[in-house]
Protein backbone atom coordinates (compact mmCIF):
# COMPACT_ATOMS: atom_id res chain seq x y z
CA MET A 1 -88.90 -90.68 -40.45
CA PRO A 2 -90.69 -88.93 -37.56
CA PHE A 3 -92.51 -85.70 -38.35
CA TRP A 4 -90.34 -83.52 -36.11
CA GLY A 5 -87.14 -84.83 -37.65
CA TRP A 6 -88.47 -84.13 -41.13
CA PHE A 7 -89.70 -80.68 -40.09
CA LEU A 8 -86.46 -79.68 -38.32
CA GLN A 9 -84.40 -80.91 -41.29
CA ARG A 10 -86.26 -78.50 -43.57
CA ILE A 11 -86.18 -75.59 -41.10
CA THR A 12 -82.45 -75.96 -40.43
CA GLY A 13 -81.79 -76.15 -44.18
CA ALA A 14 -83.64 -72.89 -44.79
CA CYS A 15 -81.94 -71.22 -41.81
CA LEU A 16 -78.53 -72.39 -43.02
CA LEU A 17 -79.10 -70.76 -46.41
CA PHE A 18 -80.01 -67.45 -44.76
CA LEU A 19 -77.16 -67.62 -42.23
CA LEU A 20 -74.60 -68.54 -44.87
CA ALA A 21 -75.65 -65.57 -47.00
CA ALA A 22 -75.44 -63.28 -43.94
CA HIS A 23 -72.04 -64.72 -43.00
CA MET A 24 -70.66 -64.20 -46.51
CA TYR A 25 -72.02 -60.66 -46.65
CA LEU A 26 -70.66 -59.65 -43.23
CA THR A 27 -67.31 -61.34 -43.76
CA HIS A 28 -66.57 -60.22 -47.31
CA PHE A 29 -68.47 -56.99 -47.90
CA VAL A 30 -68.91 -55.20 -44.56
CA THR A 31 -65.58 -55.79 -42.83
CA PRO A 32 -62.38 -54.34 -44.29
CA GLN A 33 -60.55 -56.45 -46.84
CA ASP A 34 -57.56 -57.22 -44.66
CA PRO A 35 -55.45 -60.28 -45.42
CA ILE A 36 -56.76 -63.30 -43.55
CA THR A 37 -54.56 -63.77 -40.51
CA LEU A 38 -55.23 -64.96 -36.99
CA HIS A 39 -55.42 -61.38 -35.76
CA SER A 40 -57.89 -60.29 -38.46
CA VAL A 41 -60.13 -63.27 -37.71
CA GLN A 42 -59.98 -62.51 -33.98
CA ALA A 43 -60.86 -58.89 -34.69
CA ARG A 44 -63.90 -60.00 -36.70
CA MET A 45 -65.01 -62.27 -33.87
CA HIS A 46 -65.47 -59.24 -31.62
CA VAL A 47 -68.47 -58.27 -33.75
CA SER A 48 -71.30 -59.87 -31.80
CA THR A 49 -73.50 -60.32 -34.87
CA LEU A 50 -70.84 -62.31 -36.70
CA LEU A 51 -70.08 -64.38 -33.61
CA THR A 52 -73.78 -65.20 -33.15
CA ILE A 53 -74.09 -66.17 -36.81
CA ASN A 54 -71.05 -68.44 -36.47
CA TYR A 55 -72.51 -70.19 -33.40
CA LEU A 56 -75.82 -70.68 -35.18
CA LEU A 57 -74.09 -71.96 -38.30
CA LEU A 58 -72.09 -74.42 -36.20
CA PHE A 59 -75.01 -75.95 -34.32
CA LEU A 60 -77.55 -75.88 -37.14
CA ALA A 61 -75.08 -77.39 -39.62
CA LEU A 62 -74.17 -80.10 -37.12
CA PHE A 63 -77.80 -81.03 -36.59
CA HIS A 64 -78.65 -80.85 -40.29
CA GLY A 65 -75.64 -82.89 -41.37
CA LEU A 66 -75.79 -85.56 -38.69
CA TYR A 67 -79.54 -86.02 -38.98
CA GLY A 68 -79.11 -86.30 -42.75
CA LEU A 69 -76.43 -88.94 -42.18
CA ARG A 70 -78.83 -90.81 -39.90
CA ILE A 71 -81.48 -90.76 -42.62
CA VAL A 72 -79.01 -92.08 -45.20
CA LEU A 73 -77.76 -94.84 -42.89
CA MET A 74 -81.28 -95.93 -41.98
CA ASP A 75 -82.32 -95.95 -45.66
CA LEU A 76 -79.30 -98.03 -46.71
CA ALA A 77 -79.50 -100.69 -44.02
CA PRO A 78 -82.76 -100.44 -42.07
CA LYS A 79 -82.71 -104.06 -40.92
CA THR A 80 -79.06 -104.38 -39.95
CA LEU A 81 -78.72 -101.09 -38.05
CA ASN A 82 -80.50 -100.32 -34.82
CA ALA A 83 -82.08 -96.87 -35.12
CA LYS A 84 -81.61 -96.09 -31.42
CA VAL A 85 -77.92 -97.02 -31.47
CA VAL A 86 -77.31 -94.94 -34.60
CA GLY A 87 -79.16 -92.02 -32.99
CA VAL A 88 -77.16 -92.25 -29.76
CA VAL A 89 -73.81 -92.54 -31.57
CA LEU A 90 -74.58 -89.58 -33.83
CA THR A 91 -75.82 -87.55 -30.85
CA ILE A 92 -72.55 -88.19 -29.00
CA VAL A 93 -70.56 -87.27 -32.10
CA GLY A 94 -72.64 -84.10 -32.49
CA ILE A 95 -72.12 -83.09 -28.87
CA CYS A 96 -68.36 -83.65 -29.14
CA PHE A 97 -68.07 -81.63 -32.34
CA GLY A 98 -70.39 -78.95 -30.95
CA VAL A 99 -68.34 -78.54 -27.78
CA PHE A 100 -65.09 -78.45 -29.77
CA GLY A 101 -66.49 -75.92 -32.24
CA ALA A 102 -67.97 -73.71 -29.51
CA TYR A 103 -64.66 -73.82 -27.63
CA THR A 104 -62.80 -72.82 -30.80
CA LEU A 105 -65.18 -69.90 -31.42
CA ARG A 106 -64.84 -68.85 -27.79
CA VAL A 107 -61.03 -68.89 -28.00
CA LEU A 108 -61.12 -66.85 -31.22
CA ALA A 109 -63.47 -64.32 -29.63
CA SER A 110 -61.28 -63.76 -26.58
């Protein structure tokens, strides 16, 4: 595994722990305890801090999860799988999910 992949995997893991704690705190303890409806979620998305945390959670979790999947796949079958093909496929999947997730957050925030 290249050094930067290893390093970014650890950094994103630590950031995800911090962001998840911040997300849980802001969602459950700071905002009013309204029932969860589409309108209450949209109202929460107008808080720029929560929206930023959600974007960061989306992209960091995508990277962390897909890079972890790449590591698992390359450890299970290093000779039968081409590392470049696996990387390209997972990058395309990550971009598709990232665009879809960002679009969903954008729609909720508007």
